[in-house]
C-alpha cells in the first residue's frame, strides 16, 4: 500500500512539475513575442521619422543618411498612403494583386488590426500614413506556442498509451495466470469424478445415468483445456467443420430450455478447415448463449453452415431483441455488455479465437430491432 501511495505521489509531482515548466515556457515565449513586437514598432517609428526627414530635408548628407535608414527595412511588410488613402509605395510585399484596390484595402485593414498605423508629419501637417504588418519571423513566433502545445500533447498521448498498454499487459498476464490456475484446480476433482464413475458402473447403476455423467465430465475436461490454452498459441489441426459444429450444438440443445427451438442446416458434403476443436466449440457456445439471452429464454435459434469456393460461413441467428446499429461495433470490446450480469468477455474471446487464432472473421451479419440478430463466422477451407 505504501509503495502504491509513493508511486501516486511521484506521478502527481511529475505532472505538476511538467505543467509548471510548460507554463513557464509559454509565458517566456509570450514575453519574448511582445518584446519583439515592440522592437518592430520602434523600428517602424524610426522609419517614419526617417521618411519625414527625407521629405523635409534639403541637405544631400541628410538625404543619404535617411535613405540608408529607409532601405534598412528588409523584413516588415508596409504600405505608405497619402492623406486621401492612395498608395504611395509598398515595402516587403510581393503580390501581383496590389494593383487591385479591393485587395489593397483588405491588406491595409489586416495591417491595421495587427498594428496601429503611424502618421508621417510633413511641414506641420499630418500627411502620410504607414500601415505595417508583422514580419515573417514574428508570424512564425506567433505559432510557436501552438506548435509547442501540440508536441507536448503528442508526447503525453504517447506516454498515456504506453502506460495503458503496460497496464493492459499486466492485467492480461493476471487473467492468463488465473485461467491456468483455474484449469489446474479443476483437474483434481475431475480426476476423482472419473474414478467415481467407474465405481458407479461396478455397482450396476443405470447405464443411462452414467452416460450422462460422462458427458458432463467430458464437458468439464473440454472447459479445462480451454482455460489451459489461454495465453498460449493453440494448435490447429485438420477437422470437419460440420461434425464439430453439430457436436457443439447438440450438447447445448440437450441442456437448454425446451422453449428454445433449435434448427441446424448443414450441407451434405464434408468441409475441412484448420481448427482447434475446443476453442471453436467455445465460440459456438458463446454465440448460442448470447442468442438465448437475447430471446430471454424463449424463441427460435437457427445455425447454418454454408460452403463457398474458398471459405465456409457459419451463421447463428436468433429471434431476440436485436442490436442497435451504434452498438454493433462495440459488442466485441472486452467488458462491454448490455446484461445486468456478466463480464462482457464472451464475444471478445470469440472474436479473438476466430480472427487471431484461426485467421477467420466474426461479425454481426445482420440485426434488426425486435426481430433478431445473425452472427457470422467465416473460415478458410482446406
Protein backbone atom coordinates (compact mmCIF):
# COMPACT_ATOMS: atom_id res chain seq x y z
CA UNK A 1 0.00 0.00 0.00
CA UNK A 2 2.86 2.35 0.86
CA UNK A 3 4.60 1.63 -2.47
CA UNK A 4 1.42 2.38 -4.43
CA UNK A 5 0.91 5.60 -2.45
CA UNK A 6 4.51 6.70 -3.11
CA UNK A 7 4.08 6.00 -6.83
CA UNK A 8 0.93 8.14 -6.92
CA UNK A 9 2.75 10.98 -5.13
CA UNK A 10 5.68 10.78 -7.58
CA UNK A 11 3.26 10.71 -10.52
CA UNK A 12 1.49 13.86 -9.28
CA UNK A 13 4.83 15.61 -8.65
CA UNK A 14 5.88 14.87 -12.24
CA UNK A 15 2.53 16.10 -13.60
CA UNK A 16 2.65 19.35 -11.57
CA UNK A 17 6.31 19.93 -12.45
CA UNK A 18 5.59 19.35 -16.15
CA UNK A 19 2.64 21.76 -16.01
CA UNK A 20 4.82 24.39 -14.28
CA UNK A 21 7.62 24.03 -16.86
CA UNK A 22 5.17 24.24 -19.76
CA UNK A 23 3.53 27.34 -18.27
CA UNK A 24 6.95 28.94 -17.77
CA UNK A 25 7.97 28.26 -21.37
CA UNK A 26 4.70 29.65 -22.73
CA UNK A 27 4.91 32.75 -20.53
CA UNK A 28 8.51 33.45 -21.60
CA UNK A 29 7.51 32.93 -25.22
CA UNK A 30 4.68 35.45 -24.78
CA UNK A 31 7.06 37.99 -23.18
CA UNK A 32 9.60 37.48 -25.96
CA UNK A 33 6.85 37.89 -28.58
CA UNK A 34 5.68 41.17 -27.03
CA UNK A 35 9.26 42.50 -26.77
CA UNK A 36 9.94 41.58 -30.37
CA UNK A 37 6.69 43.27 -31.42
CA UNK A 38 7.71 46.43 -29.51
CA UNK A 39 11.10 46.35 -31.24
CA UNK A 40 9.36 46.25 -34.61
CA UNK A 41 7.17 49.17 -33.53
CA UNK A 42 10.25 51.21 -32.60
CA UNK A 43 11.87 50.27 -35.90
CA UNK A 44 8.80 51.45 -37.86
CA UNK A 45 8.62 54.67 -35.85
CA UNK A 46 12.27 55.33 -36.71
CA UNK A 47 11.44 54.53 -40.31
CA UNK A 48 8.58 57.07 -40.26
CA UNK A 49 10.88 59.67 -38.73
CA UNK A 50 13.43 58.98 -41.47
CA UNK A 51 10.66 59.30 -44.07
CA UNK A 52 9.69 62.67 -42.59
CA UNK A 53 13.29 63.91 -42.64
CA UNK A 54 13.75 62.63 -46.17
CA UNK A 55 10.81 64.73 -47.36
CA UNK A 56 11.69 67.85 -45.37
CA UNK A 57 15.49 67.80 -45.68
CA UNK A 58 17.49 69.92 -48.15
CA UNK A 59 20.99 68.66 -47.47
CA UNK A 60 22.46 65.86 -49.57
CA UNK A 61 24.10 64.33 -46.49
CA UNK A 62 20.80 64.16 -44.64
CA UNK A 63 19.14 62.61 -47.68
CA UNK A 64 21.86 59.94 -47.88
CA UNK A 65 21.53 59.03 -44.18
CA UNK A 66 17.76 58.86 -44.25
CA UNK A 67 17.87 56.83 -47.48
CA UNK A 68 20.00 54.25 -45.78
CA UNK A 69 17.56 54.08 -42.88
CA UNK A 70 14.63 53.71 -45.26
CA UNK A 71 16.40 50.94 -47.17
CA UNK A 72 17.32 49.08 -43.96
CA UNK A 73 13.80 47.67 -43.56
CA UNK A 74 14.06 44.27 -45.23
CA UNK A 75 11.53 42.25 -43.20
CA UNK A 76 8.48 44.25 -42.12
CA UNK A 77 5.73 44.50 -44.77
CA UNK A 78 4.32 48.01 -45.05
CA UNK A 79 2.16 50.30 -47.16
CA UNK A 80 2.60 54.11 -47.32
CA UNK A 81 -0.52 56.15 -48.22
CA UNK A 82 -1.21 59.84 -48.71
CA UNK A 83 -3.88 61.95 -46.99
CA UNK A 84 -6.54 60.64 -49.40
CA UNK A 85 -5.68 57.00 -48.79
CA UNK A 86 -3.92 56.50 -52.10
CA UNK A 87 -0.96 54.10 -52.02
CA UNK A 88 2.34 55.93 -52.46
CA UNK A 89 4.68 52.98 -52.02
CA UNK A 90 4.97 49.47 -50.56
CA UNK A 91 7.83 47.60 -49.00
CA UNK A 92 8.50 43.86 -48.48
CA UNK A 93 5.22 42.94 -50.18
CA UNK A 94 5.42 40.80 -53.28
CA UNK A 95 1.95 40.36 -54.66
CA UNK A 96 0.65 40.92 -58.18
CA UNK A 97 -2.77 41.77 -56.78
CA UNK A 98 -1.62 45.05 -55.24
CA UNK A 99 -2.96 46.76 -58.36
CA UNK A 100 -6.43 45.66 -57.24
CA UNK A 101 -7.84 48.42 -54.96
CA UNK A 102 -10.13 45.97 -53.14
CA UNK A 103 -7.23 43.65 -52.27
CA UNK A 104 -5.07 46.58 -51.15
CA UNK A 105 -7.92 47.84 -48.95
CA UNK A 106 -8.24 44.43 -47.28
CA UNK A 107 -4.46 44.25 -46.78
CA UNK A 108 -4.46 47.70 -45.16
CA UNK A 109 -7.30 46.61 -42.84
CA UNK A 110 -5.31 43.50 -41.91
CA UNK A 111 -2.20 45.54 -41.12
CA UNK A 112 -4.31 48.00 -39.11
CA UNK A 113 -5.70 45.12 -37.00
CA UNK A 114 -2.17 43.87 -36.30
CA UNK A 115 -0.50 47.20 -35.52
CA UNK A 116 -1.65 50.79 -35.02
CA UNK A 117 -0.87 52.98 -38.09
CA UNK A 118 1.89 55.57 -37.85
CA UNK A 119 1.35 59.14 -39.11
CA UNK A 120 4.14 60.91 -41.00
CA UNK A 121 4.23 64.68 -40.36
CA UNK A 122 5.04 66.85 -43.35
CA UNK A 123 5.58 70.59 -42.76
CA UNK A 124 3.37 70.83 -39.66
CA UNK A 125 0.62 68.75 -41.23
CA UNK A 126 -0.21 65.02 -40.89
CA UNK A 127 0.03 63.90 -44.46
CA UNK A 128 1.19 60.31 -44.98
CA UNK A 129 0.22 57.16 -43.08
CA UNK A 130 2.25 53.96 -42.62
CA UNK A 131 0.37 50.69 -42.32
CA UNK A 132 2.60 47.77 -41.40
CA UNK A 133 2.08 44.13 -40.56
CA UNK A 134 4.01 41.56 -38.59
CA UNK A 135 7.21 40.30 -40.10
CA UNK A 136 7.70 36.70 -41.25
CA UNK A 137 9.78 35.95 -38.16
CA UNK A 138 7.14 37.42 -35.87
CA UNK A 139 4.40 35.40 -37.56
CA UNK A 140 6.45 32.23 -37.08
CA UNK A 141 7.00 33.11 -33.45
CA UNK A 142 3.25 33.66 -33.06
CA UNK A 143 2.55 29.99 -33.83
CA UNK A 144 5.44 28.65 -31.76
CA UNK A 145 3.34 28.19 -28.56
CA UNK A 146 0.73 26.23 -30.56
CA UNK A 147 3.45 24.00 -32.03
CA UNK A 148 4.88 23.53 -28.54
CA UNK A 149 1.48 22.60 -27.13
CA UNK A 150 0.92 20.15 -29.99
CA UNK A 151 4.28 18.48 -29.35
CA UNK A 152 3.53 18.26 -25.64
CA UNK A 153 0.06 16.84 -26.35
CA UNK A 154 1.53 14.18 -28.66
CA UNK A 155 4.16 13.33 -26.07
CA UNK A 156 1.51 12.98 -23.36
CA UNK A 157 -0.62 10.83 -25.68
CA UNK A 158 2.34 8.52 -26.32
CA UNK A 159 3.02 8.28 -22.58
CA UNK A 160 -0.67 7.62 -21.88
CA UNK A 161 -0.94 4.86 -24.48
CA UNK A 162 2.32 3.33 -23.27
CA UNK A 163 1.04 3.37 -19.69
CA UNK A 164 -2.30 1.95 -20.78
CA UNK A 165 -0.64 -0.79 -22.86
CA UNK A 166 1.62 -1.70 -19.94
CA UNK A 167 -1.37 -1.83 -17.62
CA UNK A 168 -3.36 -3.98 -20.06
CA UNK A 169 -0.37 -6.29 -20.48
CA UNK A 170 -0.14 -6.71 -16.71
CA UNK A 171 -3.88 -7.39 -16.50
CA UNK A 172 -3.64 -9.90 -19.34
CA UNK A 173 -0.85 -11.71 -17.52
CA UNK A 174 -3.00 -11.77 -14.38
CA UNK A 175 -6.03 -13.15 -16.22
CA UNK A 176 -3.87 -15.71 -18.02
CA UNK A 177 -2.40 -16.87 -14.74
CA UNK A 178 -5.85 -17.08 -13.13
CA UNK A 179 -7.21 -19.06 -16.11
CA UNK A 180 -4.34 -21.55 -15.99
CA UNK A 181 -4.68 -21.88 -12.22
CA UNK A 182 -8.43 -22.49 -12.63
CA UNK A 183 -7.71 -25.24 -15.17
CA UNK A 184 -5.22 -26.78 -12.73
CA UNK A 185 -7.67 -26.62 -9.82
CA UNK A 186 -10.50 -28.20 -11.85
CA UNK A 187 -8.21 -31.08 -12.82
CA UNK A 188 -8.06 -32.61 -9.31
CA UNK A 189 -11.84 -33.06 -8.65
CA UNK A 190 -12.28 -34.05 -12.29
CA UNK A 191 -9.95 -36.99 -11.84
CA UNK A 192 -11.95 -38.01 -8.78
CA UNK A 193 -15.21 -37.84 -10.74
CA UNK A 194 -13.76 -40.19 -13.35
CA UNK A 195 -12.93 -42.65 -10.55
CA UNK A 196 -16.39 -42.35 -9.02
CA UNK A 197 -17.91 -43.07 -12.41
CA UNK A 198 -16.06 -46.37 -12.55
CA UNK A 199 -17.31 -47.23 -9.06
CA UNK A 200 -20.91 -46.45 -10.06
CA UNK A 201 -20.53 -48.65 -13.11
CA UNK A 202 -19.37 -51.55 -10.91
CA UNK A 203 -22.39 -51.01 -8.62
CA UNK A 204 -24.73 -51.77 -11.51
CA UNK A 205 -26.17 -48.23 -11.64
CA UNK A 206 -28.43 -47.42 -14.61
CA UNK A 207 -26.05 -47.05 -17.60
CA UNK A 208 -28.01 -44.03 -18.90
CA UNK A 209 -27.19 -42.13 -15.72
CA UNK A 210 -23.50 -42.96 -16.05
CA UNK A 211 -23.58 -41.97 -19.74
CA UNK A 212 -24.95 -38.51 -18.89
CA UNK A 213 -22.41 -38.10 -16.09
CA UNK A 214 -19.62 -38.98 -18.52
CA UNK A 215 -20.89 -36.36 -20.95
CA UNK A 216 -20.61 -33.71 -18.26
CA UNK A 217 -17.18 -35.00 -17.25
CA UNK A 218 -16.05 -34.70 -20.89
CA UNK A 219 -17.53 -31.24 -20.90
CA UNK A 220 -15.50 -30.27 -17.84
CA UNK A 221 -12.39 -31.68 -19.49
CA UNK A 222 -13.09 -29.53 -22.55
CA UNK A 223 -13.51 -26.43 -20.36
CA UNK A 224 -10.26 -27.25 -18.57
CA UNK A 225 -8.46 -27.48 -21.90
CA UNK A 226 -9.94 -24.15 -22.97
CA UNK A 227 -8.69 -22.37 -19.86
CA UNK A 228 -5.27 -24.01 -20.12
CA UNK A 229 -4.90 -22.66 -23.69
CA UNK A 230 -5.47 -19.02 -22.70
CA UNK A 231 -2.29 -17.02 -23.14
CA UNK A 232 -0.63 -19.56 -25.43
CA UNK A 233 -0.87 -20.18 -29.16
CA UNK A 234 -3.34 -23.04 -29.72
CA UNK A 235 -2.57 -25.92 -32.04
CA UNK A 236 -4.75 -26.16 -35.16
CA UNK A 237 -5.50 -29.44 -36.87
CA UNK A 238 -7.45 -30.58 -39.90
CA UNK A 239 -11.06 -31.04 -38.81
CA UNK A 240 -14.50 -31.46 -40.36
CA UNK A 241 -16.44 -28.31 -39.58
CA UNK A 242 -19.94 -29.80 -40.00
CA UNK A 243 -19.24 -32.55 -37.47
CA UNK A 244 -17.65 -30.22 -34.91
CA UNK A 245 -20.47 -27.68 -35.18
CA UNK A 246 -23.11 -30.42 -34.86
CA UNK A 247 -21.45 -31.82 -31.72
CA UNK A 248 -21.32 -28.39 -30.08
CA UNK A 249 -24.94 -27.55 -30.97
CA UNK A 250 -26.30 -30.95 -29.88
CA UNK A 251 -24.67 -30.64 -26.46
CA UNK A 252 -26.13 -27.14 -25.94
CA UNK A 253 -29.52 -28.21 -27.27
CA UNK A 254 -29.86 -31.06 -24.78
CA UNK A 255 -29.11 -28.72 -21.89
CA UNK A 256 -31.17 -25.71 -22.95
CA UNK A 257 -34.77 -24.81 -22.20
CA UNK A 258 -37.48 -26.62 -24.15
CA UNK A 259 -38.85 -23.18 -25.00
CA UNK A 260 -35.90 -22.72 -27.39
CA UNK A 261 -36.48 -24.18 -30.86
CA UNK A 262 -33.17 -25.25 -32.42
CA UNK A 263 -32.65 -25.76 -36.15
CA UNK A 264 -29.41 -26.84 -37.82
CA UNK A 265 -28.86 -26.54 -41.57
CA UNK A 266 -25.76 -28.32 -42.87
CA UNK A 267 -24.52 -29.28 -46.34
CA UNK A 268 -24.43 -32.91 -47.44
CA UNK A 269 -20.71 -32.80 -48.23
CA UNK A 270 -17.84 -32.70 -45.75
CA UNK A 271 -15.94 -29.42 -45.26
CA UNK A 272 -12.45 -29.38 -43.79
CA UNK A 273 -10.71 -26.45 -42.12
CA UNK A 274 -7.76 -25.86 -39.80
CA UNK A 275 -9.40 -25.88 -36.39
CA UNK A 276 -8.83 -26.03 -32.68
CA UNK A 277 -11.86 -28.05 -31.63
CA UNK A 278 -12.06 -26.91 -28.00
CA UNK A 279 -11.80 -23.21 -28.84
CA UNK A 280 -14.19 -23.46 -31.80
CA UNK A 281 -16.85 -25.15 -29.65
CA UNK A 282 -16.32 -22.38 -27.10
CA UNK A 283 -17.11 -19.81 -29.78
CA UNK A 284 -20.28 -21.65 -30.85
CA UNK A 285 -21.30 -21.89 -27.21
CA UNK A 286 -20.83 -18.14 -26.68
CA UNK A 287 -22.84 -17.24 -29.77
CA UNK A 288 -25.66 -19.65 -28.90
CA UNK A 289 -25.84 -18.49 -25.27
CA UNK A 290 -25.86 -14.84 -26.35
CA UNK A 291 -28.72 -15.62 -28.71
CA UNK A 292 -30.67 -17.38 -25.93
CA UNK A 293 -30.08 -14.41 -23.60
CA UNK A 294 -31.27 -12.01 -26.32
CA UNK A 295 -34.50 -14.04 -26.61
CA UNK A 296 -34.88 -14.16 -22.80
CA UNK A 297 -35.01 -17.95 -22.89
CA UNK A 298 -37.82 -18.29 -25.42
CA UNK A 299 -37.69 -18.25 -29.22
CA UNK A 300 -36.05 -19.87 -32.23
CA UNK A 301 -32.35 -20.32 -32.83
CA UNK A 302 -31.02 -21.45 -36.20
CA UNK A 303 -27.48 -22.46 -37.08
CA UNK A 304 -26.48 -22.78 -40.73
CA UNK A 305 -23.27 -23.86 -42.46
CA UNK A 306 -22.86 -22.51 -45.98
CA UNK A 307 -19.82 -23.51 -48.09
CA UNK A 308 -18.24 -21.15 -50.63
CA UNK A 309 -15.30 -21.55 -53.02
CA UNK A 310 -12.53 -20.74 -50.57
CA UNK A 311 -14.44 -20.16 -47.34
CA UNK A 312 -17.18 -21.61 -45.20
CA UNK A 313 -19.62 -19.46 -43.26
CA UNK A 314 -21.34 -20.50 -40.04
CA UNK A 315 -24.28 -18.31 -39.03
CA UNK A 316 -26.13 -18.24 -35.71
CA UNK A 317 -29.50 -16.49 -35.95
CA UNK A 318 -31.80 -15.72 -33.01
CA UNK A 319 -35.26 -14.18 -32.80
CA UNK A 320 -34.29 -11.84 -29.97
CA UNK A 321 -34.38 -8.13 -29.34
CA UNK A 322 -31.66 -7.22 -31.87
CA UNK A 323 -28.62 -4.97 -31.54
CA UNK A 324 -28.83 -1.20 -32.21
CA UNK A 325 -26.60 -0.15 -35.11
CA UNK A 326 -24.49 2.19 -32.97
CA UNK A 327 -23.61 -0.68 -30.62
CA UNK A 328 -22.70 -3.28 -33.25
CA UNK A 329 -19.07 -2.14 -33.37
CA UNK A 330 -18.79 -2.16 -29.55
CA UNK A 331 -20.13 -5.61 -28.67
CA UNK A 332 -16.74 -7.24 -29.33
CA UNK A 333 -14.89 -4.91 -26.95
CA UNK A 334 -13.75 -6.52 -23.65
CA UNK A 335 -16.07 -5.60 -20.77
CA UNK A 336 -18.92 -4.36 -22.97
CA UNK A 337 -22.27 -5.92 -22.05
CA UNK A 338 -25.94 -4.96 -22.12
CA UNK A 339 -26.84 -7.56 -19.48
CA UNK A 340 -27.14 -6.86 -15.77
CA UNK A 341 -24.96 -9.88 -15.07
CA UNK A 342 -21.81 -10.97 -16.82
CA UNK A 343 -18.39 -9.53 -17.54
CA UNK A 344 -18.79 -8.91 -21.27
CA UNK A 345 -15.95 -11.24 -22.29
CA UNK A 346 -17.78 -13.88 -24.38
CA UNK A 347 -17.87 -12.10 -27.73
CA UNK A 348 -14.43 -10.56 -27.17
CA UNK A 349 -12.94 -14.02 -26.60
CA UNK A 350 -14.87 -15.43 -29.56
CA UNK A 351 -13.56 -12.73 -31.89
CA UNK A 352 -10.01 -13.34 -30.72
CA UNK A 353 -10.39 -17.11 -31.17
CA UNK A 354 -11.73 -16.78 -34.71
CA UNK A 355 -9.66 -13.86 -36.01
CA UNK A 356 -6.35 -14.11 -34.12
CA UNK A 357 -6.04 -17.88 -33.82
CA UNK A 358 -7.96 -19.19 -36.84
CA UNK A 359 -7.32 -16.20 -39.17
CA UNK A 360 -11.04 -16.02 -39.93
CA UNK A 361 -13.66 -13.39 -39.30
CA UNK A 362 -16.50 -12.92 -36.82
CA UNK A 363 -19.05 -10.15 -37.36
CA UNK A 364 -22.66 -9.08 -37.00
CA UNK A 365 -24.05 -10.10 -40.38
CA UNK A 366 -27.50 -8.63 -39.78
CA UNK A 367 -29.55 -7.29 -36.89
CA UNK A 368 -32.98 -5.72 -36.65
CA UNK A 369 -34.53 -4.32 -33.51
CA UNK A 370 -37.32 -6.58 -32.25
CA UNK A 371 -36.67 -9.27 -34.87
CA UNK A 372 -33.27 -10.76 -34.10
CA UNK A 373 -29.59 -10.94 -34.93
CA UNK A 374 -27.39 -13.03 -37.20
CA UNK A 375 -23.78 -13.59 -36.17
CA UNK A 376 -21.44 -14.92 -38.84
CA UNK A 377 -18.19 -16.86 -38.64
CA UNK A 378 -16.07 -17.11 -41.77
CA UNK A 379 -13.20 -19.64 -42.00
CA UNK A 380 -10.84 -20.59 -44.80
CA UNK A 381 -11.43 -24.03 -46.32
CA UNK A 382 -8.72 -26.59 -46.93
